[in-house]
Amino acid sequence: MSPESFLPAVAAVVQALLLMASVYIYVALVRQISGTVRWVDNMKTLAQRAWRRSSVTSPSTHTVGSRPSHCATPRLKLATE
């Protein structure tokens, strides 16, 4: 066989590899963009929850979970008279 007969076969294989690589990159970019949109939506939801306040609870006594959000300042020394 002559070397000229291998050239079209090699070119076809290279084109197929380039096509697969470009599809892989396209899918990766689409996933990254859609993941970013979901992340932004999740951050908006978290921010809305954080800013939502009850009219009964004041911000200074608002508790998150079981701990108050504003703890009293600890004293280094006992109070002296």
N, C-alpha and C. Protein backbone atom coordinates (compact mmCIF):
# COMPACT_ATOMS: atom_id res chain seq x y z
N MET A 1 0.83 -1.19 0.00
CA MET A 1 0.00 0.00 0.00
C MET A 1 0.87 1.25 0.00
N SER A 2 0.36 2.25 -0.61
CA SER A 2 1.12 3.48 -0.71
C SER A 2 0.76 4.40 0.45
N PRO A 3 1.67 5.30 0.83
CA PRO A 3 1.40 6.23 1.93
C PRO A 3 0.24 7.17 1.64
N GLU A 4 -0.06 7.42 0.38
CA GLU A 4 -1.17 8.32 0.04
C GLU A 4 -2.52 7.74 0.46
N SER A 5 -2.63 6.43 0.58
CA SER A 5 -3.90 5.81 0.97
C SER A 5 -4.16 5.97 2.46
N PHE A 6 -3.12 6.17 3.27
CA PHE A 6 -3.29 6.35 4.72
C PHE A 6 -3.68 7.78 5.09
N LEU A 7 -3.32 8.71 4.24
CA LEU A 7 -3.59 10.11 4.55
C LEU A 7 -5.08 10.42 4.74
N PRO A 8 -5.99 9.98 3.88
CA PRO A 8 -7.41 10.25 4.12
C PRO A 8 -7.93 9.57 5.40
N ALA A 9 -7.42 8.38 5.70
CA ALA A 9 -7.85 7.69 6.92
C ALA A 9 -7.39 8.44 8.16
N VAL A 10 -6.17 8.92 8.17
CA VAL A 10 -5.65 9.69 9.30
C VAL A 10 -6.41 11.00 9.44
N ALA A 11 -6.72 11.65 8.32
CA ALA A 11 -7.47 12.90 8.35
C ALA A 11 -8.87 12.67 8.92
N ALA A 12 -9.51 11.57 8.55
CA ALA A 12 -10.84 11.26 9.08
C ALA A 12 -10.80 11.01 10.58
N VAL A 13 -9.77 10.31 11.05
CA VAL A 13 -9.64 10.05 12.49
C VAL A 13 -9.40 11.35 13.25
N VAL A 14 -8.57 12.22 12.72
CA VAL A 14 -8.29 13.51 13.36
C VAL A 14 -9.56 14.36 13.42
N GLN A 15 -10.32 14.38 12.35
CA GLN A 15 -11.57 15.14 12.34
C GLN A 15 -12.56 14.58 13.36
N ALA A 16 -12.64 13.27 13.47
CA ALA A 16 -13.55 12.66 14.45
C ALA A 16 -13.12 13.01 15.87
N LEU A 17 -11.83 12.99 16.14
CA LEU A 17 -11.33 13.36 17.47
C LEU A 17 -11.61 14.82 17.79
N LEU A 18 -11.42 15.69 16.81
CA LEU A 18 -11.71 17.11 17.02
C LEU A 18 -13.20 17.35 17.26
N LEU A 19 -14.05 16.62 16.54
CA LEU A 19 -15.49 16.74 16.74
C LEU A 19 -15.87 16.29 18.16
N MET A 20 -15.32 15.18 18.61
CA MET A 20 -15.62 14.69 19.96
C MET A 20 -15.12 15.67 21.03
N ALA A 21 -13.95 16.24 20.81
CA ALA A 21 -13.41 17.21 21.77
C ALA A 21 -14.28 18.46 21.83
N SER A 22 -14.74 18.93 20.67
CA SER A 22 -15.57 20.14 20.67
C SER A 22 -16.93 19.88 21.31
N VAL A 23 -17.51 18.70 21.12
CA VAL A 23 -18.78 18.36 21.79
C VAL A 23 -18.57 18.28 23.29
N TYR A 24 -17.46 17.69 23.73
CA TYR A 24 -17.16 17.60 25.16
C TYR A 24 -17.03 18.99 25.78
N ILE A 25 -16.33 19.89 25.11
CA ILE A 25 -16.16 21.26 25.62
C ILE A 25 -17.50 21.99 25.66
N TYR A 26 -18.31 21.82 24.63
CA TYR A 26 -19.63 22.46 24.59
C TYR A 26 -20.50 21.99 25.77
N VAL A 27 -20.54 20.68 25.99
CA VAL A 27 -21.34 20.13 27.09
C VAL A 27 -20.82 20.63 28.43
N ALA A 28 -19.51 20.68 28.59
CA ALA A 28 -18.92 21.17 29.85
C ALA A 28 -19.29 22.63 30.09
N LEU A 29 -19.25 23.45 29.07
CA LEU A 29 -19.62 24.86 29.22
C LEU A 29 -21.10 25.03 29.54
N VAL A 30 -21.96 24.26 28.89
CA VAL A 30 -23.39 24.33 29.17
C VAL A 30 -23.66 23.92 30.61
N ARG A 31 -23.01 22.88 31.08
CA ARG A 31 -23.19 22.45 32.47
C ARG A 31 -22.71 23.53 33.44
N GLN A 32 -21.58 24.15 33.14
CA GLN A 32 -21.04 25.18 34.02
C GLN A 32 -21.98 26.39 34.06
N ILE A 33 -22.50 26.79 32.93
CA ILE A 33 -23.41 27.94 32.90
C ILE A 33 -24.70 27.62 33.63
N SER A 34 -25.26 26.44 33.41
CA SER A 34 -26.50 26.09 34.10
C SER A 34 -26.26 25.92 35.59
N GLY A 35 -25.08 25.44 35.98
CA GLY A 35 -24.74 25.35 37.39
C GLY A 35 -24.61 26.72 38.03
N THR A 36 -24.09 27.69 37.30
CA THR A 36 -23.97 29.05 37.80
C THR A 36 -25.33 29.67 38.02
N VAL A 37 -26.25 29.42 37.12
CA VAL A 37 -27.60 29.97 37.26
C VAL A 37 -28.27 29.38 38.49
N ARG A 38 -28.12 28.07 38.70
CA ARG A 38 -28.70 27.43 39.88
C ARG A 38 -28.06 28.01 41.14
N TRP A 39 -26.74 28.23 41.13
CA TRP A 39 -26.05 28.77 42.29
C TRP A 39 -26.56 30.17 42.61
N VAL A 40 -26.77 30.98 41.58
CA VAL A 40 -27.28 32.33 41.79
C VAL A 40 -28.69 32.27 42.36
N ASP A 41 -29.53 31.38 41.85
CA ASP A 41 -30.88 31.23 42.38
C ASP A 41 -30.85 30.79 43.84
N ASN A 42 -29.96 29.87 44.18
CA ASN A 42 -29.85 29.43 45.56
C ASN A 42 -29.39 30.57 46.47
N MET A 43 -28.47 31.39 46.00
CA MET A 43 -28.00 32.52 46.81
C MET A 43 -29.12 33.54 47.01
N LYS A 44 -29.94 33.76 45.98
CA LYS A 44 -31.07 34.69 46.12
C LYS A 44 -32.05 34.16 47.16
N THR A 45 -32.32 32.86 47.13
CA THR A 45 -33.25 32.26 48.09
C THR A 45 -32.71 32.39 49.51
N LEU A 46 -31.41 32.13 49.69
CA LEU A 46 -30.81 32.25 51.02
C LEU A 46 -30.84 33.70 51.51
N ALA A 47 -30.59 34.64 50.60
CA ALA A 47 -30.61 36.04 50.99
C ALA A 47 -32.03 36.47 51.38
N GLN A 48 -33.02 35.99 50.64
CA GLN A 48 -34.39 36.34 50.98
C GLN A 48 -34.78 35.78 52.34
N ARG A 49 -34.34 34.56 52.64
CA ARG A 49 -34.63 33.97 53.95
C ARG A 49 -33.95 34.76 55.06
N ALA A 50 -32.72 35.20 54.80
CA ALA A 50 -31.97 35.92 55.83
C ALA A 50 -32.59 37.29 56.12
N TRP A 51 -33.13 37.94 55.10
CA TRP A 51 -33.69 39.27 55.30
C TRP A 51 -35.13 39.26 55.77
N ARG A 52 -35.77 38.08 55.68
CA ARG A 52 -37.15 37.98 56.13
C ARG A 52 -37.18 38.00 57.66
N ARG A 53 -37.93 38.91 58.24
CA ARG A 53 -37.99 39.03 59.70
C ARG A 53 -39.43 38.93 60.17
N SER A 54 -39.57 38.44 61.37
CA SER A 54 -40.88 38.42 61.98
C SER A 54 -41.15 39.78 62.60
N SER A 55 -42.41 40.21 62.59
CA SER A 55 -42.73 41.51 63.18
C SER A 55 -42.70 41.45 64.70
N VAL A 56 -42.72 40.26 65.27
CA VAL A 56 -42.73 40.10 66.73
C VAL A 56 -41.31 40.13 67.28
N THR A 57 -40.37 39.60 66.55
CA THR A 57 -38.99 39.46 67.03
C THR A 57 -38.16 40.65 66.62
N SER A 58 -37.47 41.25 67.57
CA SER A 58 -36.58 42.35 67.22
C SER A 58 -35.26 41.78 66.73
N PRO A 59 -34.52 42.50 65.92
CA PRO A 59 -33.25 41.98 65.38
C PRO A 59 -32.22 41.70 66.47
N SER A 60 -32.26 42.41 67.58
CA SER A 60 -31.24 42.20 68.60
C SER A 60 -31.45 40.90 69.36
N THR A 61 -32.66 40.37 69.38
CA THR A 61 -32.90 39.12 70.10
C THR A 61 -33.23 37.98 69.15
N HIS A 62 -33.03 38.20 67.87
CA HIS A 62 -33.36 37.18 66.88
C HIS A 62 -32.43 35.98 67.06
N THR A 63 -32.97 34.80 67.09
CA THR A 63 -32.15 33.59 67.24
C THR A 63 -32.07 32.85 65.92
N VAL A 64 -30.92 32.27 65.67
CA VAL A 64 -30.70 31.44 64.50
C VAL A 64 -30.46 30.05 65.03
N GLY A 65 -31.39 29.16 64.77
CA GLY A 65 -31.26 27.82 65.32
C GLY A 65 -31.52 27.87 66.82
N SER A 66 -30.60 27.33 67.59
CA SER A 66 -30.78 27.32 69.04
C SER A 66 -29.92 28.37 69.74
N ARG A 67 -29.07 29.09 68.99
CA ARG A 67 -28.19 30.09 69.60
C ARG A 67 -28.63 31.49 69.22
N PRO A 68 -28.53 32.45 70.13
CA PRO A 68 -28.86 33.83 69.77
C PRO A 68 -27.80 34.38 68.80
N SER A 69 -28.24 35.25 67.91
CA SER A 69 -27.30 35.79 66.93
C SER A 69 -26.38 36.85 67.53
N HIS A 70 -26.79 37.47 68.66
CA HIS A 70 -25.96 38.46 69.33
C HIS A 70 -25.71 37.97 70.76
N CYS A 71 -24.50 37.54 71.03
CA CYS A 71 -24.15 37.05 72.36
C CYS A 71 -23.67 38.22 73.21
N ALA A 72 -23.88 38.11 74.52
CA ALA A 72 -23.39 39.13 75.44
C ALA A 72 -21.87 39.12 75.44
N THR A 73 -21.26 40.27 75.66
CA THR A 73 -19.80 40.37 75.70
C THR A 73 -19.31 39.71 76.98
N PRO A 74 -18.37 38.76 76.87
CA PRO A 74 -17.88 38.10 78.08
C PRO A 74 -17.01 39.05 78.90
N ARG A 75 -17.10 38.95 80.19
CA ARG A 75 -16.30 39.77 81.11
C ARG A 75 -14.97 39.09 81.39
N LEU A 76 -13.90 39.87 81.39
CA LEU A 76 -12.60 39.31 81.70
C LEU A 76 -12.36 39.21 83.20
N LYS A 77 -12.92 40.14 83.97
CA LYS A 77 -12.77 40.14 85.43
C LYS A 77 -14.14 40.15 86.06
N LEU A 78 -14.19 39.67 87.28
CA LEU A 78 -15.46 39.76 88.00
C LEU A 78 -15.75 41.21 88.37
N ALA A 79 -17.01 41.51 88.46
CA ALA A 79 -17.40 42.88 88.81
C ALA A 79 -16.94 43.19 90.22
N THR A 80 -16.29 44.33 90.42
CA THR A 80 -15.85 44.75 91.76
C THR A 80 -16.71 45.87 92.27
N GLU A 81 -16.86 45.93 93.57
CA GLU A 81 -17.70 46.98 94.18
C GLU A 81 -16.90 48.16 94.63
